[in-house]
Protein backbone atom coordinates (compact mmCIF):
# COMPACT_ATOMS: atom_id res chain seq x y z
CA UNK A 1 0.00 0.00 0.00
CA UNK A 2 2.85 2.37 0.92
CA UNK A 3 4.60 1.60 -2.38
CA UNK A 4 1.40 2.33 -4.33
CA UNK A 5 0.89 5.60 -2.47
CA UNK A 6 4.51 6.64 -3.05
CA UNK A 7 4.20 5.83 -6.75
CA UNK A 8 0.96 7.82 -6.95
CA UNK A 9 2.54 10.86 -5.27
CA UNK A 10 5.55 10.62 -7.58
CA UNK A 11 3.27 10.45 -10.62
CA UNK A 12 1.29 13.49 -9.44
CA UNK A 13 4.54 15.38 -8.84
CA UNK A 14 5.74 14.70 -12.40
CA UNK A 15 2.35 15.64 -13.83
CA UNK A 16 2.28 18.96 -11.95
CA UNK A 17 5.87 19.66 -13.05
CA UNK A 18 4.90 19.04 -16.67
CA UNK A 19 1.86 21.31 -16.40
CA UNK A 20 3.97 24.12 -14.88
CA UNK A 21 6.56 23.80 -17.63
CA UNK A 22 3.88 23.96 -20.33
CA UNK A 23 2.41 27.08 -18.69
CA UNK A 24 5.86 28.73 -18.59
CA UNK A 25 6.48 27.86 -22.25
CA UNK A 26 3.10 29.30 -23.24
CA UNK A 27 3.86 32.58 -21.47
CA UNK A 28 7.27 32.74 -23.16
CA UNK A 29 5.92 31.97 -26.64
CA UNK A 30 3.27 34.70 -26.24
CA UNK A 31 5.91 37.24 -25.20
CA UNK A 32 4.62 37.52 -21.60
CA UNK A 33 8.15 37.43 -20.21
CA UNK A 34 7.40 38.66 -16.67
CA UNK A 35 4.94 35.80 -16.11
CA UNK A 36 7.27 33.37 -17.84
CA UNK A 37 10.17 34.47 -15.61
CA UNK A 38 8.22 33.75 -12.42
CA UNK A 39 7.25 30.29 -13.71
CA UNK A 40 10.76 29.37 -14.86
CA UNK A 41 12.30 30.57 -11.59
CA UNK A 42 9.92 28.30 -9.67
CA UNK A 43 10.82 25.39 -11.93
CA UNK A 44 14.53 26.09 -11.53
CA UNK A 45 14.21 26.03 -7.72
CA UNK A 46 12.84 22.48 -7.89
CA UNK A 47 15.49 21.38 -10.45
CA UNK A 48 18.54 23.59 -9.94
CA UNK A 49 20.68 21.62 -12.37
CA UNK A 50 18.20 21.86 -15.27
CA UNK A 51 20.05 23.90 -17.89
CA UNK A 52 16.97 24.45 -20.07
CA UNK A 53 15.10 26.17 -17.23
CA UNK A 54 18.18 28.26 -16.45
CA UNK A 55 18.56 29.24 -20.10
CA UNK A 56 14.95 30.41 -20.24
CA UNK A 57 15.40 32.45 -17.04
CA UNK A 58 18.38 34.21 -18.68
CA UNK A 59 16.42 34.84 -21.88
CA UNK A 60 13.54 36.32 -19.86
CA UNK A 61 15.95 38.67 -18.06
CA UNK A 62 17.37 39.76 -21.42
CA UNK A 63 13.95 40.28 -22.99
CA UNK A 64 13.04 42.44 -19.97
CA UNK A 65 16.39 44.33 -20.34
CA UNK A 66 17.47 43.11 -16.89
CA UNK A 67 21.04 42.52 -18.05
CA UNK A 68 22.61 42.90 -14.58
CA UNK A 69 20.45 40.09 -13.22
CA UNK A 70 21.34 37.93 -16.23
CA UNK A 71 25.06 38.62 -15.69
CA UNK A 72 24.88 37.83 -11.98
CA UNK A 73 23.02 34.55 -12.61
CA UNK A 74 25.48 33.53 -15.34
CA UNK A 75 28.53 34.33 -13.18
CA UNK A 76 27.13 32.40 -10.21
CA UNK A 77 26.40 29.36 -12.36
CA UNK A 78 29.83 29.57 -14.02
CA UNK A 79 31.53 29.63 -10.61
CA UNK A 80 29.44 26.70 -9.41
CA UNK A 81 29.41 24.38 -12.44
CA UNK A 82 32.48 25.56 -14.42
CA UNK A 83 30.63 25.13 -17.73
CA UNK A 84 32.73 26.79 -20.43
CA UNK A 85 29.72 27.46 -22.68
CA UNK A 86 28.52 29.98 -20.07
CA UNK A 87 31.40 32.23 -21.16
CA UNK A 88 29.63 32.56 -24.53
CA UNK A 89 26.37 33.36 -22.72
CA UNK A 90 28.13 36.07 -20.70
CA UNK A 91 29.65 37.53 -23.85
CA UNK A 92 26.30 37.54 -25.59
CA UNK A 93 24.74 39.34 -22.62
CA UNK A 94 27.26 42.14 -23.19
CA UNK A 95 26.64 42.07 -26.95
CA UNK A 96 22.94 42.71 -26.32
CA UNK A 97 24.04 45.83 -24.41
CA UNK A 98 26.09 46.98 -27.46
CA UNK A 99 29.36 46.36 -25.59
CA UNK A 100 31.15 44.34 -28.27
CA UNK A 101 34.60 44.74 -26.69
CA UNK A 102 33.57 42.94 -23.50
CA UNK A 103 31.55 40.42 -25.52
CA UNK A 104 34.62 39.50 -27.58
CA UNK A 105 36.67 39.17 -24.39
CA UNK A 106 34.37 36.40 -23.13
CA UNK A 107 34.08 34.79 -26.57
CA UNK A 108 37.87 34.57 -26.78
CA UNK A 109 38.02 33.11 -23.27
CA UNK A 110 35.68 30.36 -24.51
CA UNK A 111 38.00 29.71 -27.48
CA UNK A 112 40.95 29.47 -25.04
CA UNK A 113 39.08 26.75 -23.18
CA UNK A 114 38.98 24.71 -26.40
CA UNK A 115 42.73 25.20 -26.86
CA UNK A 116 43.23 23.49 -23.52
CA UNK A 117 40.58 20.79 -23.98
CA UNK A 118 39.25 20.08 -27.49
CA UNK A 119 36.12 18.35 -26.21
CA UNK A 120 34.86 21.69 -24.86
CA UNK A 121 34.04 22.53 -28.49
CA UNK A 122 30.74 20.65 -28.41
CA UNK A 123 29.09 22.88 -25.81
CA UNK A 124 30.81 26.10 -26.86
CA UNK A 125 30.24 25.82 -30.62
CA UNK A 126 26.61 24.85 -30.01
CA UNK A 127 25.95 28.10 -28.11
CA UNK A 128 27.79 30.16 -30.73
CA UNK A 129 25.55 28.59 -33.39
CA UNK A 130 22.37 29.20 -31.35
CA UNK A 131 23.31 32.86 -31.04
CA UNK A 132 24.03 33.06 -34.80
CA UNK A 133 27.67 33.91 -34.05
CA UNK A 134 28.83 32.11 -37.18
CA UNK A 135 32.43 33.37 -37.29
CA UNK A 136 33.08 32.36 -33.69
CA UNK A 137 31.38 28.98 -34.20
CA UNK A 138 33.73 28.27 -37.11
CA UNK A 139 36.70 29.46 -35.05
CA UNK A 140 35.66 27.08 -32.26
CA UNK A 141 35.62 24.07 -34.64
CA UNK A 142 38.93 25.06 -36.28
CA UNK A 143 40.57 25.50 -32.88
CA UNK A 144 39.40 22.04 -31.80
CA UNK A 145 40.77 20.52 -35.02
CA UNK A 146 44.16 22.14 -34.40
CA UNK A 147 44.21 20.59 -30.95
CA UNK A 148 42.81 17.21 -32.04
CA UNK A 149 43.06 16.61 -35.85
CA UNK A 150 41.17 13.30 -35.63
CA UNK A 151 37.96 15.13 -34.78
CA UNK A 152 35.53 15.78 -37.62
CA UNK A 153 33.18 18.74 -37.93
CA UNK A 154 32.78 18.90 -41.72
CA UNK A 155 29.00 18.82 -41.66
CA UNK A 156 28.64 21.53 -39.00
CA UNK A 157 31.29 23.71 -40.67
CA UNK A 158 29.70 23.31 -44.11
CA UNK A 159 26.37 24.55 -42.76
CA UNK A 160 28.12 27.54 -41.19
CA UNK A 161 29.97 28.34 -44.44
CA UNK A 162 26.58 28.34 -46.12
CA UNK A 163 25.27 30.80 -43.53
CA UNK A 164 28.28 33.01 -44.26
CA UNK A 165 27.43 32.95 -47.96
CA UNK A 166 30.69 31.15 -48.79
CA UNK A 167 29.12 28.80 -51.31
CA UNK A 168 32.32 27.25 -52.71
CA UNK A 169 33.73 26.39 -49.30
CA UNK A 170 30.37 25.06 -48.14
CA UNK A 171 30.14 22.73 -51.15
CA UNK A 172 33.74 21.52 -50.82
CA UNK A 173 33.29 20.80 -47.13
CA UNK A 174 30.01 18.95 -47.69
CA UNK A 175 31.64 16.87 -50.44
CA UNK A 176 34.61 16.03 -48.19
CA UNK A 177 32.20 14.85 -45.51
CA UNK A 178 30.12 12.86 -48.01
CA UNK A 179 33.17 10.94 -49.21
CA UNK A 180 34.66 10.39 -45.75
CA UNK A 181 31.37 9.30 -44.15
CA UNK A 182 29.25 7.89 -46.95
CA UNK A 183 26.50 6.87 -44.54
CA UNK A 184 25.77 10.62 -44.25
CA UNK A 185 25.31 11.02 -48.02
CA UNK A 186 21.45 11.26 -47.94
CA UNK A 187 21.64 13.91 -45.21
CA UNK A 188 24.19 15.94 -47.18
CA UNK A 189 22.27 15.65 -50.44
CA UNK A 190 19.17 16.83 -48.61
CA UNK A 191 21.07 19.93 -47.44
CA UNK A 192 22.38 20.62 -50.95
CA UNK A 193 18.94 20.15 -52.52
CA UNK A 194 17.60 22.82 -50.14
CA UNK A 195 20.10 25.29 -51.59
CA UNK A 196 19.26 24.15 -55.12
CA UNK A 197 15.58 24.84 -54.42
CA UNK A 198 15.96 28.07 -52.46
CA UNK A 199 18.89 29.76 -54.23
CA UNK A 200 17.72 32.33 -56.73
CA UNK A 201 21.28 32.61 -58.07
CA UNK A 202 22.01 29.74 -60.48
CA UNK A 203 25.71 30.06 -59.64
CA UNK A 204 25.15 27.50 -56.85
CA UNK A 205 24.27 24.72 -59.29
CA UNK A 206 27.24 25.61 -61.46
CA UNK A 207 29.70 25.54 -58.54
CA UNK A 208 28.36 22.20 -57.33
CA UNK A 209 28.52 20.64 -60.80
CA UNK A 210 32.09 21.87 -61.38
CA UNK A 211 33.21 20.61 -57.96
CA UNK A 212 31.77 17.17 -58.68
CA UNK A 213 33.23 17.01 -62.20
CA UNK A 214 36.71 17.91 -60.92
CA UNK A 215 36.56 15.19 -58.25
CA UNK A 216 35.23 12.62 -60.73
CA UNK A 217 38.05 13.38 -63.19
CA UNK A 218 40.81 13.48 -60.56
CA UNK A 219 39.93 10.37 -58.58
CA UNK A 220 38.10 8.20 -61.14
CA UNK A 221 35.99 7.04 -58.19
CA UNK A 222 32.45 6.01 -59.18
CA UNK A 223 31.19 7.67 -55.98
CA UNK A 224 31.46 11.03 -57.77
CA UNK A 225 29.76 9.73 -60.94
CA UNK A 226 26.85 8.63 -58.79
CA UNK A 227 26.78 12.04 -57.07
CA UNK A 228 26.76 13.75 -60.47
CA UNK A 229 23.93 11.49 -61.57
CA UNK A 230 21.98 12.56 -58.48
CA UNK A 231 22.59 16.24 -59.34
CA UNK A 232 21.35 15.81 -62.92
CA UNK A 233 18.27 13.95 -61.68
CA UNK A 234 17.43 16.90 -59.39
CA UNK A 235 17.61 19.10 -62.49
CA UNK A 236 15.58 16.55 -64.52
CA UNK A 237 18.49 16.12 -66.92
CA UNK A 238 18.01 12.38 -67.35
CA UNK A 239 20.20 12.11 -70.44
CA UNK A 240 23.16 13.55 -68.53
CA UNK A 241 22.42 11.35 -65.53
CA UNK A 242 22.44 8.35 -67.88
CA UNK A 243 25.96 9.22 -69.08
CA UNK A 244 27.16 9.04 -65.47
CA UNK A 245 25.30 5.79 -64.82
CA UNK A 246 26.88 4.22 -67.92
CA UNK A 247 30.31 5.22 -66.61
CA UNK A 248 29.47 3.51 -63.31
CA UNK A 249 28.19 0.40 -65.12
CA UNK A 250 31.45 -0.03 -67.05
CA UNK A 251 33.31 -0.36 -63.75
CA UNK A 252 30.52 -1.95 -61.73
CA UNK A 253 28.13 -4.09 -63.79
CA UNK A 254 26.04 -4.78 -60.68
CA UNK A 255 24.69 -1.20 -60.82
CA UNK A 256 22.14 -1.98 -63.53
CA UNK A 257 19.09 -1.58 -61.29
CA UNK A 258 19.96 2.12 -60.91
CA UNK A 259 19.74 2.51 -64.69
CA UNK A 260 16.29 0.91 -64.77
CA UNK A 261 15.13 3.26 -61.99
CA UNK A 262 16.51 6.19 -63.99
CA UNK A 263 14.44 5.11 -66.99
CA UNK A 264 11.34 4.98 -64.80
CA UNK A 265 12.00 8.52 -63.53
CA UNK A 266 12.42 9.77 -67.10
CA UNK A 267 9.02 8.27 -68.00
CA UNK A 268 7.36 9.86 -64.97
CA UNK A 269 8.72 13.26 -66.04
CA UNK A 270 7.62 12.69 -69.62
CA UNK A 271 11.17 12.64 -70.99
CA UNK A 272 10.36 9.94 -73.56
CA UNK A 273 13.57 10.24 -75.56
CA UNK A 274 15.80 9.69 -72.54
CA UNK A 275 13.57 6.89 -71.24
CA UNK A 276 13.70 5.09 -74.59
CA UNK A 277 17.50 5.39 -74.76
CA UNK A 278 18.00 4.26 -71.16
CA UNK A 279 15.67 1.26 -71.25
CA UNK A 280 16.88 0.11 -74.67
CA UNK A 281 20.41 0.12 -73.21
CA UNK A 282 19.16 -2.11 -70.41
CA UNK A 283 17.61 -4.60 -72.85
CA UNK A 284 20.82 -4.70 -74.90
CA UNK A 285 23.18 -5.19 -71.95
CA UNK A 286 21.66 -7.48 -69.34
CA UNK A 287 20.42 -11.04 -69.04
CA UNK A 288 18.94 -10.53 -65.59
CA UNK A 289 15.30 -11.66 -65.84
CA UNK A 290 13.90 -9.12 -63.33
CA UNK A 291 15.64 -6.19 -65.02
CA UNK A 292 14.61 -7.33 -68.50
CA UNK A 293 10.97 -7.58 -67.47
CA UNK A 294 11.09 -4.20 -65.71
CA UNK A 295 12.57 -2.54 -68.80
CA UNK A 296 10.02 -4.14 -71.12
CA UNK A 297 7.22 -3.14 -68.74
CA UNK A 298 8.25 0.53 -68.61
CA UNK A 299 8.70 0.72 -72.40
CA UNK A 300 5.30 -0.85 -72.98
CA UNK A 301 3.67 1.41 -70.42
CA UNK A 302 5.12 4.42 -72.24
CA UNK A 303 3.89 3.12 -75.60
CA UNK A 304 0.38 2.51 -74.27
CA UNK A 305 0.21 5.95 -72.67
CA UNK A 306 0.93 7.65 -76.01
CA UNK A 307 -0.78 5.14 -78.34
CA UNK A 308 -3.56 5.80 -80.81
CA UNK A 309 -6.21 3.16 -81.52
CA UNK A 310 -4.39 2.11 -84.68
CA UNK A 311 -1.40 1.09 -82.52
CA UNK A 312 -3.41 -1.34 -80.36
CA UNK A 313 -2.92 -4.52 -82.47
CA UNK A 314 0.88 -4.09 -82.46
CA UNK A 315 0.91 -3.50 -78.69
CA UNK A 316 -1.33 -6.53 -78.11
CA UNK A 317 1.06 -8.67 -80.13
CA UNK A 318 4.11 -7.31 -78.33
CA UNK A 319 2.63 -8.12 -74.91
CA UNK A 320 1.64 -11.61 -76.04
CA UNK A 321 5.12 -12.31 -77.44
CA UNK A 322 6.80 -11.16 -74.21
CA UNK A 323 4.56 -13.29 -71.98
CA UNK A 324 5.14 -16.28 -74.24
CA UNK A 325 8.91 -15.66 -74.13
CA UNK A 326 9.19 -15.22 -70.36
CA UNK A 327 6.29 -17.45 -69.31
CA UNK A 328 3.39 -17.01 -66.90
CA UNK A 329 4.90 -16.87 -63.42
CA UNK A 330 5.31 -14.52 -60.44
CA UNK A 331 8.32 -13.05 -62.29
CA UNK A 332 6.07 -11.80 -65.09
CA UNK A 333 3.26 -10.53 -62.83
CA UNK A 334 3.87 -6.91 -63.88
CA UNK A 335 3.42 -7.86 -67.56
CA UNK A 336 0.27 -9.84 -66.73
CA UNK A 337 -1.25 -6.86 -64.88
CA UNK A 338 -0.33 -4.60 -67.80
CA UNK A 339 -1.96 -7.05 -70.21
CA UNK A 340 -5.14 -7.05 -68.10
CA UNK A 341 -5.21 -3.26 -67.83
CA UNK A 342 -4.69 -2.86 -71.59
CA UNK A 343 -7.48 -5.33 -72.38
CA UNK A 344 -9.97 -3.58 -70.10
CA UNK A 345 -9.23 0.13 -70.57
CA UNK A 346 -8.07 0.14 -74.20
CA UNK A 347 -9.57 -2.94 -75.88
CA UNK A 348 -12.79 -2.79 -73.84
CA UNK A 349 -12.50 -6.47 -72.94
CA UNK A 350 -12.89 -6.55 -69.14
CA UNK A 351 -13.83 -10.25 -69.06
CA UNK A 352 -10.48 -11.30 -70.49
CA UNK A 353 -8.75 -8.86 -68.14
CA UNK A 354 -10.46 -10.36 -65.08
CA UNK A 355 -9.60 -13.89 -66.19
CA UNK A 356 -5.90 -12.95 -66.47
CA UNK A 357 -5.88 -11.42 -62.97
CA UNK A 358 -7.84 -14.23 -61.28
CA UNK A 359 -5.42 -16.73 -62.76
CA UNK A 360 -2.48 -14.63 -61.53
CA UNK A 361 -3.94 -14.58 -58.00
CA UNK A 362 -3.68 -18.40 -57.95
CA UNK A 363 0.09 -18.23 -58.39
CA UNK A 364 2.46 -18.40 -55.35
CA UNK A 365 2.82 -14.63 -54.96
CA UNK A 366 3.61 -12.61 -51.80
CA UNK A 367 1.13 -10.39 -49.95
CA UNK A 368 2.29 -7.21 -51.71
CA UNK A 369 1.91 -8.82 -55.14
CA UNK A 370 -1.50 -10.14 -54.14
CA UNK A 371 -2.57 -6.66 -53.00
CA UNK A 372 -1.38 -5.12 -56.30
CA UNK A 373 -3.25 -7.76 -58.32
CA UNK A 374 -6.42 -7.26 -56.27
CA UNK A 375 -6.08 -3.53 -56.86
CA UNK A 376 -5.94 -4.03 -60.62
CA UNK A 377 -8.97 -6.32 -60.43
CA UNK A 378 -10.87 -3.71 -58.39
CA UNK A 379 -9.96 -1.04 -60.97
CA UNK A 380 -11.50 -3.21 -63.70
CA UNK A 381 -14.63 -3.87 -61.65
CA UNK A 382 -14.94 -0.11 -61.22
CA UNK A 383 -14.47 0.27 -65.00
CA UNK A 384 -17.50 -2.05 -65.37
CA UNK A 385 -19.45 0.15 -62.92
CA UNK A 386 -19.59 -2.71 -60.42
CA UNK A 387 -19.04 -0.22 -57.62
CA UNK A 388 -19.82 -2.45 -54.65
CA UNK A 389 -17.56 -5.27 -55.82
CA UNK A 390 -14.76 -2.78 -56.46
CA UNK A 391 -15.26 -1.25 -53.00
CA UNK A 392 -15.04 -4.71 -51.44
CA UNK A 393 -11.59 -5.34 -52.94
CA UNK A 394 -10.33 -1.82 -52.16
CA UNK A 395 -11.50 -2.24 -48.55
CA UNK A 396 -9.73 -5.59 -48.25
CA UNK A 397 -6.47 -4.06 -49.44
CA UNK A 398 -6.90 -1.05 -47.14
CA UNK A 399 -7.46 -3.36 -44.18
CA UNK A 400 -4.69 -5.86 -45.03
CA UNK A 401 -2.06 -3.26 -46.02
CA UNK A 402 -3.14 -0.28 -43.92
CA UNK A 403 0.39 0.65 -42.84
CA UNK A 404 1.77 0.67 -46.40
CA UNK A 405 1.46 3.11 -49.27
CA UNK A 406 -0.58 0.57 -51.23
CA UNK A 407 -3.09 0.52 -48.36
CA UNK A 408 -3.37 4.31 -48.51
CA UNK A 409 -3.74 4.12 -52.29
CA UNK A 410 -6.62 1.68 -51.82
CA UNK A 411 -8.17 4.12 -49.35
CA UNK A 412 -7.95 6.91 -51.94
CA UNK A 413 -9.54 4.68 -54.59
CA UNK A 414 -12.34 3.87 -52.14
CA UNK A 415 -12.98 7.62 -51.79
CA UNK A 416 -12.84 8.10 -55.57
CA UNK A 417 -15.35 5.28 -56.05
CA UNK A 418 -17.72 7.03 -53.64
CA UNK A 419 -17.14 10.24 -55.61
CA UNK A 420 -17.92 8.51 -58.92
CA UNK A 421 -21.13 7.16 -57.32
CA UNK A 422 -21.89 10.80 -56.35
CA UNK A 423 -21.81 9.87 -52.66
CA UNK A 424 -19.92 13.08 -51.95
CA UNK A 425 -20.52 13.15 -48.19
CA UNK A 426 -18.88 9.76 -47.65
CA UNK A 427 -16.09 10.57 -50.11
CA UNK A 428 -15.30 13.79 -48.21
CA UNK A 429 -15.27 11.92 -44.91
CA UNK A 430 -12.63 9.51 -46.26
CA UNK A 431 -10.61 12.27 -47.94
CA UNK A 432 -10.33 14.25 -44.70
CA UNK A 433 -8.30 11.37 -43.27
CA UNK A 434 -6.25 10.78 -46.42
CA UNK A 435 -5.19 14.45 -46.65
CA UNK A 436 -2.60 13.66 -43.96
CA UNK A 437 -1.38 10.41 -45.59
CA UNK A 438 2.34 9.67 -45.27
CA UNK A 439 2.58 9.46 -49.07
CA UNK A 440 2.80 13.04 -50.34
CA UNK A 441 1.32 12.06 -53.70
CA UNK A 442 -1.74 10.47 -52.08
CA UNK A 443 -2.09 13.39 -49.66
CA UNK A 444 -2.01 15.87 -52.57
CA UNK A 445 -4.52 13.89 -54.65
CA UNK A 446 -6.81 13.55 -51.64
CA UNK A 447 -6.66 17.28 -50.94
CA UNK A 448 -7.38 18.11 -54.59
CA UNK A 449 -10.50 15.90 -54.68
CA UNK A 450 -11.62 17.14 -51.25
CA UNK A 451 -11.41 20.76 -52.43
CA UNK A 452 -13.24 19.91 -55.66
CA UNK A 453 -16.16 18.54 -53.66
CA UNK A 454 -16.22 21.23 -50.95
CA UNK A 455 -15.72 24.20 -53.32
CA UNK A 456 -18.62 23.07 -55.50
CA UNK A 457 -21.01 22.44 -52.63
CA UNK A 458 -21.03 25.91 -51.03
CA UNK A 459 -23.10 27.70 -53.70
CA UNK A 460 -24.78 24.56 -55.06
CA UNK A 461 -26.14 22.68 -52.04
CA UNK A 462 -27.88 20.17 -54.32
CA UNK A 463 -24.53 19.53 -56.05
CA UNK A 464 -26.19 19.48 -59.48
CA UNK A 465 -23.08 20.59 -61.39
CA UNK A 466 -20.78 18.42 -59.28
CA UNK A 467 -22.82 15.30 -60.08
CA UNK A 468 -22.50 16.01 -63.80
CA UNK A 469 -18.79 16.64 -63.36
CA UNK A 470 -18.30 13.36 -61.48
CA UNK A 471 -20.07 11.48 -64.27
CA UNK A 472 -17.82 13.07 -66.91
CA UNK A 473 -14.81 12.30 -64.71
CA UNK A 474 -15.89 8.66 -64.52
CA UNK A 475 -16.09 8.45 -68.31
CA UNK A 476 -12.55 9.79 -68.37
CA UNK A 477 -11.52 7.09 -65.88
CA UNK A 478 -13.03 4.52 -68.27
CA UNK A 479 -10.80 5.97 -71.01
CA UNK A 480 -13.88 7.09 -72.95
CA UNK A 481 -12.33 10.42 -73.91
CA UNK A 482 -14.83 11.38 -76.61
CA UNK A 483 -17.88 10.81 -74.37
CA UNK A 484 -16.16 12.49 -71.43
CA UNK A 485 -15.27 15.53 -73.53
CA UNK A 486 -18.88 15.88 -74.68
CA UNK A 487 -20.13 15.74 -71.07
CA UNK A 488 -17.60 18.33 -69.88
CA UNK A 489 -18.47 20.67 -72.76
CA UNK A 490 -22.18 20.32 -72.01
CA UNK A 491 -21.48 21.04 -68.35
CA UNK A 492 -19.59 24.17 -69.39
CA UNK A 493 -22.61 25.45 -71.34
CA UNK A 494 -25.17 24.63 -68.64
CA UNK A 495 -23.14 26.02 -65.72
CA UNK A 496 -21.17 28.85 -67.29
CA UNK A 497 -19.86 31.34 -64.74
CA UNK A 498 -20.24 28.94 -61.80
CA UNK A 499 -17.36 27.81 -59.57
CA UNK A 500 -17.04 24.52 -61.43
CA UNK A 501 -16.11 26.27 -64.69
CA UNK A 502 -12.35 26.51 -64.04
CA UNK A 503 -11.78 22.83 -63.22
CA UNK A 504 -14.01 21.83 -66.16
CA UNK A 505 -11.85 23.88 -68.52
CA UNK A 506 -8.78 22.20 -67.04
CA UNK A 507 -10.21 18.72 -67.67
CA UNK A 508 -11.15 19.65 -71.25
CA UNK A 509 -7.65 20.99 -71.83
CA UNK A 510 -6.06 17.74 -70.62
CA UNK A 511 -8.30 15.66 -72.88
CA UNK A 512 -7.32 17.74 -75.90
CA UNK A 513 -3.67 17.31 -74.91
CA UNK A 514 -4.12 13.53 -74.83
CA UNK A 515 -5.71 13.71 -78.28
CA UNK A 516 -2.80 15.77 -79.59
CA UNK A 517 -4.93 18.87 -80.23
CA UNK A 518 -2.60 21.28 -78.48
CA UNK A 519 -4.13 24.48 -79.85
CA UNK A 520 -7.53 23.66 -78.34
CA UNK A 521 -5.86 22.61 -75.11
CA UNK A 522 -4.17 26.01 -74.85
CA UNK A 523 -7.46 27.80 -75.64
CA UNK A 524 -9.07 26.18 -72.60
CA UNK A 525 -6.09 26.82 -70.34
CA UNK A 526 -5.99 30.43 -71.51
CA UNK A 527 -9.65 30.89 -70.52
CA UNK A 528 -8.68 29.90 -66.97
CA UNK A 529 -5.70 32.29 -67.02
CA UNK A 530 -7.84 35.15 -68.33
CA UNK A 531 -11.15 34.65 -66.50
CA UNK A 532 -10.22 32.73 -63.35
CA UNK A 533 -7.12 34.46 -62.00
CA UNK A 534 -8.05 33.63 -58.38
CA UNK A 535 -8.80 29.97 -59.09
CA UNK A 536 -6.76 27.25 -57.39
CA UNK A 537 -6.22 25.80 -60.89
CA UNK A 538 -4.43 28.87 -62.30
CA UNK A 539 -0.94 27.45 -61.68
CA UNK A 540 -1.80 24.25 -63.54
CA UNK A 541 -3.21 26.21 -66.48
CA UNK A 542 -0.04 28.32 -66.67
CA UNK A 543 2.30 25.35 -66.36
CA UNK A 544 0.46 23.11 -68.83
CA UNK A 545 0.33 25.95 -71.38
CA UNK A 546 4.05 26.63 -70.96
CA UNK A 547 4.84 22.94 -71.38
CA UNK A 548 2.85 22.73 -74.63
CA UNK A 549 4.56 25.79 -76.09
CA UNK A 550 7.98 24.57 -74.96
CA UNK A 551 7.75 20.88 -75.85
CA UNK A 552 5.04 20.33 -78.46
CA UNK A 553 4.72 23.60 -80.38
CA UNK A 554 8.43 24.45 -80.08
CA UNK A 555 7.66 28.10 -79.35
CA UNK A 556 9.90 28.95 -76.36
CA UNK A 557 9.19 32.69 -76.58
CA UNK A 558 5.54 32.04 -75.69
CA UNK A 559 6.50 29.54 -73.00
CA UNK A 560 8.91 31.92 -71.26
CA UNK A 561 6.39 34.49 -69.88
CA UNK A 562 4.15 31.66 -68.63
CA UNK A 563 7.03 30.06 -66.70
CA UNK A 564 7.96 33.53 -65.45
CA UNK A 565 4.47 34.13 -64.09
CA UNK A 566 4.67 30.76 -62.31
CA UNK A 567 7.92 31.83 -60.64
CA UNK A 568 6.78 35.25 -59.44
CA UNK A 569 3.15 34.57 -58.56
CA UNK A 570 2.89 30.89 -57.61
CA UNK A 571 5.83 30.00 -55.38
CA UNK A 572 3.72 27.48 -53.45
CA UNK A 573 2.86 25.46 -56.57
CA UNK A 574 4.22 21.93 -57.00
CA UNK A 575 5.30 23.08 -60.49
CA UNK A 576 7.34 26.02 -59.16
CA UNK A 577 10.80 24.39 -59.17
CA UNK A 578 10.40 22.85 -62.63
CA UNK A 579 9.06 26.15 -64.01
CA UNK A 580 12.02 28.03 -62.58
CA UNK A 581 14.57 25.62 -64.05
CA UNK A 582 12.95 25.66 -67.48
CA UNK A 583 12.61 29.44 -67.45
CA UNK A 584 16.31 29.82 -66.71
CA UNK A 585 17.18 27.43 -69.50
CA UNK A 586 15.01 29.35 -71.97
CA UNK A 587 16.53 32.60 -70.73
CA UNK A 588 19.95 31.28 -71.71
CA UNK A 589 21.52 30.33 -68.38
CA UNK A 590 24.14 27.82 -69.47
CA UNK A 591 25.21 26.80 -65.98
CA UNK A 592 22.11 24.79 -65.11
């Protein structure tokens, strides 16, 4: 009983402590420093050694301009605990009072501590960094390295060089760290990609590329070829990335899977020429069954995506020949699913498609392969307007694979099925959850559909226009482009000037693009740009128009102002980075 009571009292004590700390933090965050000071002082009395509480007490003194109290507290703690980082805090207290001479005196005393004991650098440099004292932070790390050369602070120093604006030194230091500690490569590439995204000056990309090229040429180490490939991928220069991957392959034939992945990325970014070159190289240079099937799959997928009806017999034959060559087995599951999808959505033969998939589900495949096959089967049932059967399969996948991306994808398809059925209330309920999905793509798609439903319900409570739109959207899902286009155009006439007009124009534009009628596509996008400047679809209309002018109509002068408008007016768009890169290229920046 006594033990239980003691435990209960201890629990209550911790709970009260936590509540008091939260209250103090709230006061501090709201700028109520007098109240925060009282709370932090009480907390510090109960935990004298807690540095975080002490730090907040000092910050409250400084915010209240009580510098003498801050100095006294810092000196007392320094005398008691002998923590060298407090010398930086004392110096900073003087700096806040515009007494730089005394501030420097304490900063230099902190540096002297490192000269005597290199390990002091961790606490001292950390405080310098927190106070944005970049020069002193760098001096602290350099001093420690002079004392103990085996220490390594490349990452920290590179970040600081970046804060100084010393781009070349930052890049060199990051690259040194990447090579020395290759397990940190993803972290370093993430840092560099931030600069590539945020830097308005294209000089950064040029310096990084030159630094990598020099290292690749000097050392002949494939590490630098792979780094260069990464850089070109960030810039969507898949042809250049392929050159680096071929150089790696010549010295390391086991790297072929990277080349296949590169081909897939080129397809996703609609760089068909690079994708064709990359995947053809794979077919010509490997006997690995998995890689061969992957390459064939991606090439076929690209063909189907850009095929006209006259191309269907040749594609059908090509799929049949490949399946006959490689056999029906778990290894060829991707080709079997592609065959089923092509039969249903392009040849309008869902019965054959279902037979292929049901047969595939009888093979000894793993749970992920089974989920993917069920998903394809559900898609075909949805194509047939067998909504309830499709929902059953999607729900099974969602339940069985809930923690995986495929489970979230099934959840999104469940919501879309409800949307196609015009059950907008239930669709919105599901989409609210999916908006925070771990997969950014699924989260974005969920948000887009959620906004489509909500935006077109406010003024039209009966959702008359939205129901017509969903029906046209479903025809588009069924790959019935002609019928879908007619429905969207009718909707445009019947609901002209309503909120749904902008997204309808966008859909019509995309259909015309698919049909190769780029002039009509641009006409519809231009109507959005001209008449719906405040629409959430304006960035897509600008970007799609620019892409058509740049890639299909070969009229870069008309593309340039559209990309420019994306850059200056739509920085939050998912197309912002690509628009900026393409604008710079059209403008004549050769160092991209």
